[in-house]
Amino acid sequence: MIVSPDIEKILDSISTNRMDGATSLAGRALDALDALARSLPPECTGIEARSLASHIDALRPSVASIGVQAVLAVARAESLAAQGMPWSRALAEAVRKERETLGQADEAIAAIAARNVGRGGAVVSCSWSVTALRAIMALQPAIVRVGHGWPLADGLRSASWLAARGLKTEVLPDGCLAAAMDGARIVLVGADHVLADGSVVNRASTFPLALLARHADVPFYAACQRIKLGGRVRPQIEEQDGAFGLLPDGVTGRAPLFDVTPAHLVTAVITESGMLEAAEAGEIGRSIDALRRRILG
């Protein structure tokens, strides 16, 4: 696909960024579509937008929400164009509305979490998710315990974010998260993707944390926007190259950046649409995936 240098720069930032969360990267997908809208002639038919959305969808298959966000924007533009709006204007308006929706989602999720999960107590989390962090803030916990998040230290980044906002925060090695469950009221994490069966894809260490929560009889919640309900059957798991440095002869290393928490370990998925059982989240995801396949072909 041939794109302008501005769009190519945005696409490259999506492909190479391993530190920002999925929501931020989804926002970059909207940036690319917005840049395309500004360059399209009024008489275009939407082929260019669908082609770019398909390209975006393929950039980071392990972070499905990036492609889902592009698909939702193109689907909205398609609807506006069907009402007589020129495609270039329809795409720009669709991007604006999707950006507005994305910007409001975290506030809605935090309010839903506070109403349904309750406030106070010890909360346990892991990895980096602004959505989950804002939900945790709304719970007004007495203390938050966060897994470090090797190899990217994204859990430490979350702990720093919470501490800077006045919450008492502890960080623990990922292998010592059993200690975090002592007196914990809930576990609340983010999600990069919810699969068709309701399983949650998130940064590695989430699955072990869910197992610990089940063992300690502590509810396990995942907080994410609807764009994370991608509905795919299998995840694609990215790995971090060079995470171990120089290894001894004959030794190879693997550092998966994500893992999959089975649906039966998930108490609920908290979205801007409400508290969803894992099966409900999977069903919504399947409908979104059907839209994705229709738009992208």
C-alpha atoms as a PDB file:
ATOM      1  CA  MET A   1       0.000   0.000   0.000  1.00  0.00           C
ATOM      2  CA  ILE A   2       1.336   3.448  -0.961  1.00  0.00           C
ATOM      3  CA  VAL A   3       0.778   6.104   1.706  1.00  0.00           C
ATOM      4  CA  SER A   4       2.035   9.610   2.343  1.00  0.00           C
ATOM      5  CA  PRO A   5       5.194  10.159   4.435  1.00  0.00           C
ATOM      6  CA  ASP A   6       3.039  11.541   7.262  1.00  0.00           C
ATOM      7  CA  ILE A   7       0.874   8.438   7.369  1.00  0.00           C
ATOM      8  CA  GLU A   8       3.923   6.175   7.010  1.00  0.00           C
ATOM      9  CA  LYS A   9       5.470   7.834  10.058  1.00  0.00           C
ATOM     10  CA  ILE A  10       2.317   7.189  12.092  1.00  0.00           C
ATOM     11  CA  LEU A  11       2.180   3.556  10.975  1.00  0.00           C
ATOM     12  CA  ASP A  12       5.823   3.080  11.900  1.00  0.00           C
ATOM     13  CA  SER A  13       5.173   4.477  15.384  1.00  0.00           C
ATOM     14  CA  ILE A  14       2.391   1.908  15.850  1.00  0.00           C
ATOM     15  CA  SER A  15       4.590  -0.959  14.662  1.00  0.00           C
ATOM     16  CA  THR A  16       7.616  -0.182  16.831  1.00  0.00           C
ATOM     17  CA  ASN A  17       6.098   1.181  20.055  1.00  0.00           C
ATOM     18  CA  ARG A  18       6.233  -1.419  22.853  1.00  0.00           C
ATOM     19  CA  MET A  19       5.731   0.942  25.800  1.00  0.00           C
ATOM     20  CA  ASP A  20       2.412   2.733  25.179  1.00  0.00           C
ATOM     21  CA  GLY A  21      -0.850   0.960  25.926  1.00  0.00           C
ATOM     22  CA  ALA A  22      -3.277  -0.357  23.334  1.00  0.00           C
ATOM     23  CA  THR A  23      -5.623   2.621  23.737  1.00  0.00           C
ATOM     24  CA  SER A  24      -2.878   5.081  22.886  1.00  0.00           C
ATOM     25  CA  LEU A  25      -1.943   3.026  19.831  1.00  0.00           C
ATOM     26  CA  ALA A  26      -5.612   2.881  18.778  1.00  0.00           C
ATOM     27  CA  GLY A  27      -5.572   6.676  18.920  1.00  0.00           C
ATOM     28  CA  ARG A  28      -2.626   6.628  16.543  1.00  0.00           C
ATOM     29  CA  ALA A  29      -4.690   4.509  14.150  1.00  0.00           C
ATOM     30  CA  LEU A  30      -7.264   7.307  14.172  1.00  0.00           C
ATOM     31  CA  ASP A  31      -4.449   9.796  13.482  1.00  0.00           C
ATOM     32  CA  ALA A  32      -3.534   7.841  10.345  1.00  0.00           C
ATOM     33  CA  LEU A  33      -7.138   7.756   9.103  1.00  0.00           C
ATOM     34  CA  ASP A  34      -7.519  11.469   9.844  1.00  0.00           C
ATOM     35  CA  ALA A  35      -4.400  12.223   7.801  1.00  0.00           C
ATOM     36  CA  LEU A  36      -5.863  10.146   4.961  1.00  0.00           C
ATOM     37  CA  ALA A  37      -9.184  12.014   5.155  1.00  0.00           C
ATOM     38  CA  ARG A  38      -7.381  15.320   4.671  1.00  0.00           C
ATOM     39  CA  SER A  39      -5.716  14.032   1.498  1.00  0.00           C
ATOM     40  CA  LEU A  40      -8.723  12.357  -0.154  1.00  0.00           C
ATOM     41  CA  PRO A  41     -10.575  13.989  -3.061  1.00  0.00           C
ATOM     42  CA  PRO A  42     -14.328  14.472  -2.512  1.00  0.00           C
ATOM     43  CA  GLU A  43     -15.187  11.932  -5.215  1.00  0.00           C
ATOM     44  CA  CYS A  44     -13.314   9.012  -3.585  1.00  0.00           C
ATOM     45  CA  THR A  45     -15.307   5.832  -2.850  1.00  0.00           C
ATOM     46  CA  GLY A  46     -13.868   4.608   0.451  1.00  0.00           C
ATOM     47  CA  ILE A  47     -11.491   2.073  -1.085  1.00  0.00           C
ATOM     48  CA  GLU A  48      -8.525   4.026   0.254  1.00  0.00           C
ATOM     49  CA  ALA A  49      -9.929   4.083   3.790  1.00  0.00           C
ATOM     50  CA  ARG A  50     -10.643   0.336   3.773  1.00  0.00           C
ATOM     51  CA  SER A  51      -7.163  -0.364   2.409  1.00  0.00           C
ATOM     52  CA  LEU A  52      -5.529   1.724   5.147  1.00  0.00           C
ATOM     53  CA  ALA A  53      -7.704   0.085   7.815  1.00  0.00           C
ATOM     54  CA  SER A  54      -6.613  -3.330   6.526  1.00  0.00           C
ATOM     55  CA  HIS A  55      -2.979  -2.251   6.690  1.00  0.00           C
ATOM     56  CA  ILE A  56      -3.436  -0.960  10.254  1.00  0.00           C
ATOM     57  CA  ASP A  57      -5.172  -4.192  11.250  1.00  0.00           C
ATOM     58  CA  ALA A  58      -2.137  -6.207  10.144  1.00  0.00           C
ATOM     59  CA  LEU A  59       0.456  -4.065  11.938  1.00  0.00           C
ATOM     60  CA  ARG A  60       0.111  -5.525  15.434  1.00  0.00           C
ATOM     61  CA  PRO A  61      -2.103  -8.646  15.388  1.00  0.00           C
ATOM     62  CA  SER A  62      -1.360  -9.234  19.076  1.00  0.00           C
ATOM     63  CA  VAL A  63      -2.959  -5.855  19.912  1.00  0.00           C
ATOM     64  CA  ALA A  64      -6.260  -6.363  18.126  1.00  0.00           C
ATOM     65  CA  SER A  65      -7.841  -3.129  19.374  1.00  0.00           C
ATOM     66  CA  ILE A  66      -5.682  -1.087  16.990  1.00  0.00           C
ATOM     67  CA  GLY A  67      -7.301  -2.722  13.987  1.00  0.00           C
ATOM     68  CA  VAL A  68     -10.735  -2.765  15.629  1.00  0.00           C
ATOM     69  CA  GLN A  69     -10.562   0.996  16.151  1.00  0.00           C
ATOM     70  CA  ALA A  70      -9.700   1.529  12.493  1.00  0.00           C
ATOM     71  CA  VAL A  71     -12.546  -0.762  11.418  1.00  0.00           C
ATOM     72  CA  LEU A  72     -15.101   1.034  13.621  1.00  0.00           C
ATOM     73  CA  ALA A  73     -14.056   4.399  12.177  1.00  0.00           C
ATOM     74  CA  VAL A  74     -14.367   3.149   8.590  1.00  0.00           C
ATOM     75  CA  ALA A  75     -17.735   1.516   9.348  1.00  0.00           C
ATOM     76  CA  ARG A  76     -19.010   4.815  10.770  1.00  0.00           C
ATOM     77  CA  ALA A  77     -17.689   6.667   7.700  1.00  0.00           C
ATOM     78  CA  GLU A  78     -19.408   4.129   5.454  1.00  0.00           C
ATOM     79  CA  SER A  79     -22.720   4.844   7.185  1.00  0.00           C
ATOM     80  CA  LEU A  80     -22.278   8.604   6.817  1.00  0.00           C
ATOM     81  CA  ALA A  81     -21.319   8.250   3.152  1.00  0.00           C
ATOM     82  CA  ALA A  82     -24.445   6.156   2.566  1.00  0.00           C
ATOM     83  CA  GLN A  83     -26.444   9.175   3.787  1.00  0.00           C
ATOM     84  CA  GLY A  84     -24.894  11.328   1.038  1.00  0.00           C
ATOM     85  CA  MET A  85     -21.838  12.789   2.774  1.00  0.00           C
ATOM     86  CA  PRO A  86     -18.672  12.856   0.589  1.00  0.00           C
ATOM     87  CA  TRP A  87     -16.308  10.077   1.665  1.00  0.00           C
ATOM     88  CA  SER A  88     -13.440  12.391   2.627  1.00  0.00           C
ATOM     89  CA  ARG A  89     -15.710  14.405   4.907  1.00  0.00           C
ATOM     90  CA  ALA A  90     -17.428  11.252   6.195  1.00  0.00           C
ATOM     91  CA  LEU A  91     -14.085   9.750   7.225  1.00  0.00           C
ATOM     92  CA  ALA A  92     -12.997  12.933   8.993  1.00  0.00           C
ATOM     93  CA  GLU A  93     -16.305  13.098  10.869  1.00  0.00           C
ATOM     94  CA  ALA A  94     -16.128   9.401  11.754  1.00  0.00           C
ATOM     95  CA  VAL A  95     -12.618   9.813  13.152  1.00  0.00           C
ATOM     96  CA  ARG A  96     -13.783  12.781  15.221  1.00  0.00           C
ATOM     97  CA  LYS A  97     -16.686  10.814  16.700  1.00  0.00           C
ATOM     98  CA  GLU A  98     -14.558   7.724  17.374  1.00  0.00           C
ATOM     99  CA  ARG A  99     -11.913   9.869  19.083  1.00  0.00           C
ATOM    100  CA  GLU A 100     -14.622  11.443  21.228  1.00  0.00           C
ATOM    101  CA  THR A 101     -15.989   8.013  22.156  1.00  0.00           C
ATOM    102  CA  LEU A 102     -12.515   6.703  22.954  1.00  0.00           C
ATOM    103  CA  GLY A 103     -11.793   9.726  25.129  1.00  0.00           C
ATOM    104  CA  GLN A 104     -14.949   9.254  27.199  1.00  0.00           C
ATOM    105  CA  ALA A 105     -14.622   5.489  27.703  1.00  0.00           C
ATOM    106  CA  ASP A 106     -12.138   5.484  30.583  1.00  0.00           C
ATOM    107  CA  GLU A 107     -14.226   7.884  32.673  1.00  0.00           C
ATOM    108  CA  ALA A 108     -17.301   5.713  32.161  1.00  0.00           C
ATOM    109  CA  ILE A 109     -15.385   2.538  33.036  1.00  0.00           C
ATOM    110  CA  ALA A 110     -14.016   4.082  36.223  1.00  0.00           C
ATOM    111  CA  ALA A 111     -17.511   5.125  37.331  1.00  0.00           C
ATOM    112  CA  ILE A 112     -18.919   1.661  36.589  1.00  0.00           C
ATOM    113  CA  ALA A 113     -16.086   0.024  38.538  1.00  0.00           C
ATOM    114  CA  ALA A 114     -16.664   2.272  41.553  1.00  0.00           C
ATOM    115  CA  ARG A 115     -20.405   1.523  41.568  1.00  0.00           C
ATOM    116  CA  ASN A 116     -20.124  -2.219  41.141  1.00  0.00           C
ATOM    117  CA  VAL A 117     -16.834  -3.219  42.723  1.00  0.00           C
ATOM    118  CA  GLY A 118     -16.836  -0.887  45.718  1.00  0.00           C
ATOM    119  CA  ARG A 119     -14.181   1.312  47.271  1.00  0.00           C
ATOM    120  CA  GLY A 120     -11.322   0.822  49.701  1.00  0.00           C
ATOM    121  CA  GLY A 121      -9.196  -2.149  50.672  1.00  0.00           C
ATOM    122  CA  ALA A 122      -6.126  -3.618  48.977  1.00  0.00           C
ATOM    123  CA  VAL A 123      -6.154  -3.845  45.171  1.00  0.00           C
ATOM    124  CA  VAL A 124      -3.699  -5.948  43.168  1.00  0.00           C
ATOM    125  CA  SER A 125      -2.748  -5.255  39.551  1.00  0.00           C
ATOM    126  CA  CYS A 126      -0.042  -5.739  36.933  1.00  0.00           C
ATOM    127  CA  SER A 127       1.258  -4.213  33.685  1.00  0.00           C
ATOM    128  CA  TRP A 128       0.449  -0.794  32.201  1.00  0.00           C
ATOM    129  CA  SER A 129      -3.127   0.213  31.379  1.00  0.00           C
ATOM    130  CA  VAL A 130      -4.378   3.766  31.790  1.00  0.00           C
ATOM    131  CA  THR A 131      -7.933   2.400  31.722  1.00  0.00           C
ATOM    132  CA  ALA A 132      -7.227   0.051  34.634  1.00  0.00           C
ATOM    133  CA  LEU A 133      -5.271   2.717  36.507  1.00  0.00           C
ATOM    134  CA  ARG A 134      -8.136   5.212  36.288  1.00  0.00           C
ATOM    135  CA  ALA A 135     -10.540   2.536  37.475  1.00  0.00           C
ATOM    136  CA  ILE A 136      -8.232   1.783  40.400  1.00  0.00           C
ATOM    137  CA  MET A 137      -8.117   5.476  41.283  1.00  0.00           C
ATOM    138  CA  ALA A 138     -11.931   5.538  41.361  1.00  0.00           C
ATOM    139  CA  LEU A 139     -11.921   2.662  43.874  1.00  0.00           C
ATOM    140  CA  GLN A 140      -9.946   4.787  46.371  1.00  0.00           C
ATOM    141  CA  PRO A 141      -7.978   1.782  47.639  1.00  0.00           C
ATOM    142  CA  ALA A 142      -6.029   1.787  50.875  1.00  0.00           C
ATOM    143  CA  ILE A 143      -3.067   0.261  49.022  1.00  0.00           C
ATOM    144  CA  VAL A 144      -2.279  -0.983  45.516  1.00  0.00           C
ATOM    145  CA  ARG A 145       0.174  -3.848  44.959  1.00  0.00           C
ATOM    146  CA  VAL A 146       1.560  -4.092  41.431  1.00  0.00           C
ATOM    147  CA  GLY A 147       3.679  -6.732  39.710  1.00  0.00           C
ATOM    148  CA  HIS A 148       6.919  -5.304  38.319  1.00  0.00           C
ATOM    149  CA  GLY A 149       6.234  -6.353  34.721  1.00  0.00           C
ATOM    150  CA  TRP A 150       9.493  -7.848  33.445  1.00  0.00           C
ATOM    151  CA  PRO A 151      11.013  -7.312  30.897  1.00  0.00           C
ATOM    152  CA  LEU A 152       9.551  -3.839  30.150  1.00  0.00           C
ATOM    153  CA  ALA A 153       8.924  -2.834  33.796  1.00  0.00           C
ATOM    154  CA  ASP A 154       5.481  -1.586  32.789  1.00  0.00           C
ATOM    155  CA  GLY A 155       4.073  -2.583  36.197  1.00  0.00           C
ATOM    156  CA  LEU A 156       6.675  -0.366  37.845  1.00  0.00           C
ATOM    157  CA  ARG A 157       5.528   2.400  35.509  1.00  0.00           C
ATOM    158  CA  SER A 158       1.947   1.873  36.738  1.00  0.00           C
ATOM    159  CA  ALA A 159       3.069   1.950  40.381  1.00  0.00           C
ATOM    160  CA  SER A 160       4.861   5.237  39.758  1.00  0.00           C
ATOM    161  CA  TRP A 161       1.736   6.676  38.059  1.00  0.00           C
ATOM    162  CA  LEU A 162      -0.461   5.745  41.031  1.00  0.00           C
ATOM    163  CA  ALA A 163       2.043   6.966  43.628  1.00  0.00           C
ATOM    164  CA  ALA A 164       2.304  10.317  41.857  1.00  0.00           C
ATOM    165  CA  ARG A 165      -1.450  10.685  42.397  1.00  0.00           C
ATOM    166  CA  GLY A 166      -1.270  10.042  46.097  1.00  0.00           C
ATOM    167  CA  LEU A 167      -2.038   6.330  46.388  1.00  0.00           C
ATOM    168  CA  LYS A 168      -0.014   4.096  48.673  1.00  0.00           C
ATOM    169  CA  THR A 169       1.637   1.708  46.237  1.00  0.00           C
ATOM    170  CA  GLU A 170       3.941  -1.312  46.435  1.00  0.00           C
ATOM    171  CA  VAL A 171       5.723  -3.063  43.578  1.00  0.00           C
ATOM    172  CA  LEU A 172       6.593  -6.768  43.746  1.00  0.00           C
ATOM    173  CA  PRO A 173       8.581  -9.100  41.495  1.00  0.00           C
ATOM    174  CA  ASP A 174       6.266 -10.963  39.136  1.00  0.00           C
ATOM    175  CA  GLY A 175       7.306 -14.246  40.715  1.00  0.00           C
ATOM    176  CA  CYS A 176       6.301 -13.034  44.179  1.00  0.00           C
ATOM    177  CA  LEU A 177       2.739 -11.934  43.470  1.00  0.00           C
ATOM    178  CA  ALA A 178       1.408 -14.584  45.864  1.00  0.00           C
ATOM    179  CA  ALA A 179       2.480 -12.213  48.631  1.00  0.00           C
ATOM    180  CA  ALA A 180       0.305  -9.488  47.104  1.00  0.00           C
ATOM    181  CA  MET A 181      -2.837 -11.558  47.714  1.00  0.00           C
ATOM    182  CA  ASP A 182      -2.586 -11.283  51.506  1.00  0.00           C
ATOM    183  CA  GLY A 183      -5.697  -9.319  52.510  1.00  0.00           C
ATOM    184  CA  ALA A 184      -6.451  -8.343  48.898  1.00  0.00           C
ATOM    185  CA  ARG A 185     -10.038  -7.357  48.143  1.00  0.00           C
ATOM    186  CA  ILE A 186      -9.875  -7.543  44.340  1.00  0.00           C
ATOM    187  CA  VAL A 187      -7.497  -7.950  41.415  1.00  0.00           C
ATOM    188  CA  LEU A 188      -8.036  -5.400  38.626  1.00  0.00           C
ATOM    189  CA  VAL A 189      -5.979  -5.414  35.446  1.00  0.00           C
ATOM    190  CA  GLY A 190      -6.257  -4.046  31.931  1.00  0.00           C
ATOM    191  CA  ALA A 191      -6.720  -6.075  28.760  1.00  0.00           C
ATOM    192  CA  ASP A 192      -5.181  -5.843  25.323  1.00  0.00           C
ATOM    193  CA  HIS A 193      -7.789  -8.136  23.780  1.00  0.00           C
ATOM    194  CA  VAL A 194     -10.754 -10.265  24.791  1.00  0.00           C
ATOM    195  CA  LEU A 195     -11.025 -13.404  22.662  1.00  0.00           C
ATOM    196  CA  ALA A 196     -14.213 -14.910  21.259  1.00  0.00           C
ATOM    197  CA  ASP A 197     -14.539 -17.272  24.240  1.00  0.00           C
ATOM    198  CA  GLY A 198     -14.091 -14.456  26.775  1.00  0.00           C
ATOM    199  CA  SER A 199     -10.444 -15.215  27.560  1.00  0.00           C
ATOM    200  CA  VAL A 200      -8.360 -12.125  28.325  1.00  0.00           C
ATOM    201  CA  VAL A 201      -5.103 -11.343  26.540  1.00  0.00           C
ATOM    202  CA  ASN A 202      -2.887  -9.045  28.593  1.00  0.00           C
ATOM    203  CA  ARG A 203       0.766  -8.539  29.417  1.00  0.00           C
ATOM    204  CA  ALA A 204       2.572 -11.633  30.668  1.00  0.00           C
ATOM    205  CA  SER A 205       2.070 -12.314  34.418  1.00  0.00           C
ATOM    206  CA  THR A 206      -1.698 -11.712  34.163  1.00  0.00           C
ATOM    207  CA  PHE A 207      -2.567 -15.423  33.908  1.00  0.00           C
ATOM    208  CA  PRO A 208      -0.495 -16.390  36.975  1.00  0.00           C
ATOM    209  CA  LEU A 209      -2.087 -13.488  38.859  1.00  0.00           C
ATOM    210  CA  ALA A 210      -5.559 -14.759  37.919  1.00  0.00           C
ATOM    211  CA  LEU A 211      -4.636 -18.224  39.197  1.00  0.00           C
ATOM    212  CA  LEU A 212      -3.460 -16.713  42.481  1.00  0.00           C
ATOM    213  CA  ALA A 213      -6.698 -14.748  42.744  1.00  0.00           C
ATOM    214  CA  ARG A 214      -8.765 -17.902  42.236  1.00  0.00           C
ATOM    215  CA  HIS A 215      -6.675 -19.762  44.836  1.00  0.00           C
ATOM    216  CA  ALA A 216      -7.202 -16.924  47.353  1.00  0.00           C
ATOM    217  CA  ASP A 217     -10.913 -16.540  46.443  1.00  0.00           C
ATOM    218  CA  VAL A 218     -10.347 -12.949  45.323  1.00  0.00           C
ATOM    219  CA  PRO A 219     -12.447 -11.556  42.410  1.00  0.00           C
ATOM    220  CA  PHE A 220     -10.486 -10.959  39.203  1.00  0.00           C
ATOM    221  CA  TYR A 221     -11.609  -8.103  36.942  1.00  0.00           C
ATOM    222  CA  ALA A 222     -10.313  -6.866  33.581  1.00  0.00           C
ATOM    223  CA  ALA A 223     -11.081  -3.250  32.649  1.00  0.00           C
ATOM    224  CA  CYS A 224     -11.006  -2.264  28.976  1.00  0.00           C
ATOM    225  CA  GLN A 225     -12.847  -0.327  26.273  1.00  0.00           C
ATOM    226  CA  ARG A 226     -15.179  -2.083  23.846  1.00  0.00           C
ATOM    227  CA  ILE A 227     -12.505  -1.798  21.136  1.00  0.00           C
ATOM    228  CA  LYS A 228     -10.601  -4.497  23.075  1.00  0.00           C
ATOM    229  CA  LEU A 229     -13.459  -6.949  22.473  1.00  0.00           C
ATOM    230  CA  GLY A 230     -11.949  -8.021  19.184  1.00  0.00           C
ATOM    231  CA  GLY A 231     -13.579 -11.432  19.117  1.00  0.00           C
ATOM    232  CA  ARG A 232     -10.767 -13.365  17.482  1.00  0.00           C
ATOM    233  CA  VAL A 233     -10.379 -17.044  18.270  1.00  0.00           C
ATOM    234  CA  ARG A 234      -6.619 -17.105  18.856  1.00  0.00           C
ATOM    235  CA  PRO A 235      -4.167 -14.430  19.946  1.00  0.00           C
ATOM    236  CA  GLN A 236      -0.825 -13.698  18.354  1.00  0.00           C
ATOM    237  CA  ILE A 237       1.756 -13.307  21.103  1.00  0.00           C
ATOM    238  CA  GLU A 238       4.624 -10.866  20.598  1.00  0.00           C
ATOM    239  CA  GLU A 239       7.982 -11.577  22.215  1.00  0.00           C
ATOM    240  CA  GLN A 240      10.720  -9.259  23.443  1.00  0.00           C
ATOM    241  CA  ASP A 241      13.994  -9.825  21.613  1.00  0.00           C
ATOM    242  CA  GLY A 242      17.197  -9.771  23.644  1.00  0.00           C
ATOM    243  CA  ALA A 243      15.429  -9.756  27.009  1.00  0.00           C
ATOM    244  CA  PHE A 244      18.079 -11.976  28.637  1.00  0.00           C
ATOM    245  CA  GLY A 245      21.160 -10.318  27.225  1.00  0.00           C
ATOM    246  CA  LEU A 246      24.034 -12.644  26.396  1.00  0.00           C
ATOM    247  CA  LEU A 247      23.092 -16.272  27.110  1.00  0.00           C
ATOM    248  CA  PRO A 248      25.449 -19.241  27.674  1.00  0.00           C
ATOM    249  CA  ASP A 249      26.297 -21.437  24.699  1.00  0.00           C
ATOM    250  CA  GLY A 250      23.522 -23.864  23.887  1.00  0.00           C
ATOM    251  CA  VAL A 251      20.872 -21.850  25.761  1.00  0.00           C
ATOM    252  CA  THR A 252      18.035 -20.042  24.000  1.00  0.00           C
ATOM    253  CA  GLY A 253      15.563 -17.660  25.580  1.00  0.00           C
ATOM    254  CA  ARG A 254      11.951 -16.634  25.075  1.00  0.00           C
ATOM    255  CA  ALA A 255      10.217 -13.622  26.614  1.00  0.00           C
ATOM    256  CA  PRO A 256       6.514 -13.537  25.598  1.00  0.00           C
ATOM    257  CA  LEU A 257       5.050 -10.091  26.189  1.00  0.00           C
ATOM    258  CA  PHE A 258       1.470 -11.353  26.569  1.00  0.00           C
ATOM    259  CA  ASP A 259      -0.380 -14.292  28.067  1.00  0.00           C
ATOM    260  CA  VAL A 260      -3.964 -15.559  27.928  1.00  0.00           C
ATOM    261  CA  THR A 261      -6.162 -15.754  31.032  1.00  0.00           C
ATOM    262  CA  PRO A 262      -8.942 -18.335  30.503  1.00  0.00           C
ATOM    263  CA  ALA A 263     -12.504 -17.022  30.720  1.00  0.00           C
ATOM    264  CA  HIS A 264     -13.396 -19.167  33.744  1.00  0.00           C
ATOM    265  CA  LEU A 265     -10.888 -17.201  35.841  1.00  0.00           C
ATOM    266  CA  VAL A 266     -12.421 -13.826  34.919  1.00  0.00           C
ATOM    267  CA  THR A 267     -15.109 -12.544  37.307  1.00  0.00           C
ATOM    268  CA  ALA A 268     -16.153  -9.779  34.888  1.00  0.00           C
ATOM    269  CA  VAL A 269     -14.896  -7.547  32.106  1.00  0.00           C
ATOM    270  CA  ILE A 270     -15.601  -3.890  32.908  1.00  0.00           C
ATOM    271  CA  THR A 271     -16.299  -1.827  29.784  1.00  0.00           C
ATOM    272  CA  GLU A 272     -18.073   1.455  29.065  1.00  0.00           C
ATOM    273  CA  SER A 273     -21.100  -0.739  28.303  1.00  0.00           C
ATOM    274  CA  GLY A 274     -21.144  -2.127  31.836  1.00  0.00           C
ATOM    275  CA  MET A 275     -20.011  -5.171  33.805  1.00  0.00           C
ATOM    276  CA  LEU A 276     -19.857  -8.073  31.366  1.00  0.00           C
ATOM    277  CA  GLU A 277     -19.461 -11.731  32.125  1.00  0.00           C
ATOM    278  CA  ALA A 278     -16.650 -13.214  30.066  1.00  0.00           C
ATOM    279  CA  ALA A 279     -19.153 -14.992  27.784  1.00  0.00           C
ATOM    280  CA  GLU A 280     -21.005 -11.698  27.150  1.00  0.00           C
ATOM    281  CA  ALA A 281     -17.744  -9.934  26.315  1.00  0.00           C
ATOM    282  CA  GLY A 282     -16.864 -12.748  23.911  1.00  0.00           C
ATOM    283  CA  GLU A 283     -20.246 -12.492  22.198  1.00  0.00           C
ATOM    284  CA  ILE A 284     -19.853  -8.755  21.647  1.00  0.00           C
ATOM    285  CA  GLY A 285     -16.359  -9.431  20.366  1.00  0.00           C
ATOM    286  CA  ARG A 286     -17.647 -11.926  17.819  1.00  0.00           C
ATOM    287  CA  SER A 287     -20.074  -9.328  16.449  1.00  0.00           C
ATOM    288  CA  ILE A 288     -17.229  -6.804  16.194  1.00  0.00           C
ATOM    289  CA  ASP A 289     -15.081  -9.383  14.404  1.00  0.00           C
ATOM    290  CA  ALA A 290     -17.914 -10.030  11.934  1.00  0.00           C
ATOM    291  CA  LEU A 291     -17.971  -6.284  11.201  1.00  0.00           C
ATOM    292  CA  ARG A 292     -14.191  -6.339  10.821  1.00  0.00           C
ATOM    293  CA  ARG A 293     -14.365  -9.152   8.258  1.00  0.00           C
ATOM    294  CA  ARG A 294     -17.125  -7.350   6.323  1.00  0.00           C
ATOM    295  CA  ILE A 295     -15.242  -4.052   6.190  1.00  0.00           C
ATOM    296  CA  LEU A 296     -11.820  -5.526   5.430  1.00  0.00           C
ATOM    297  CA  GLY A 297     -13.007  -8.326   3.170  1.00  0.00           C
END
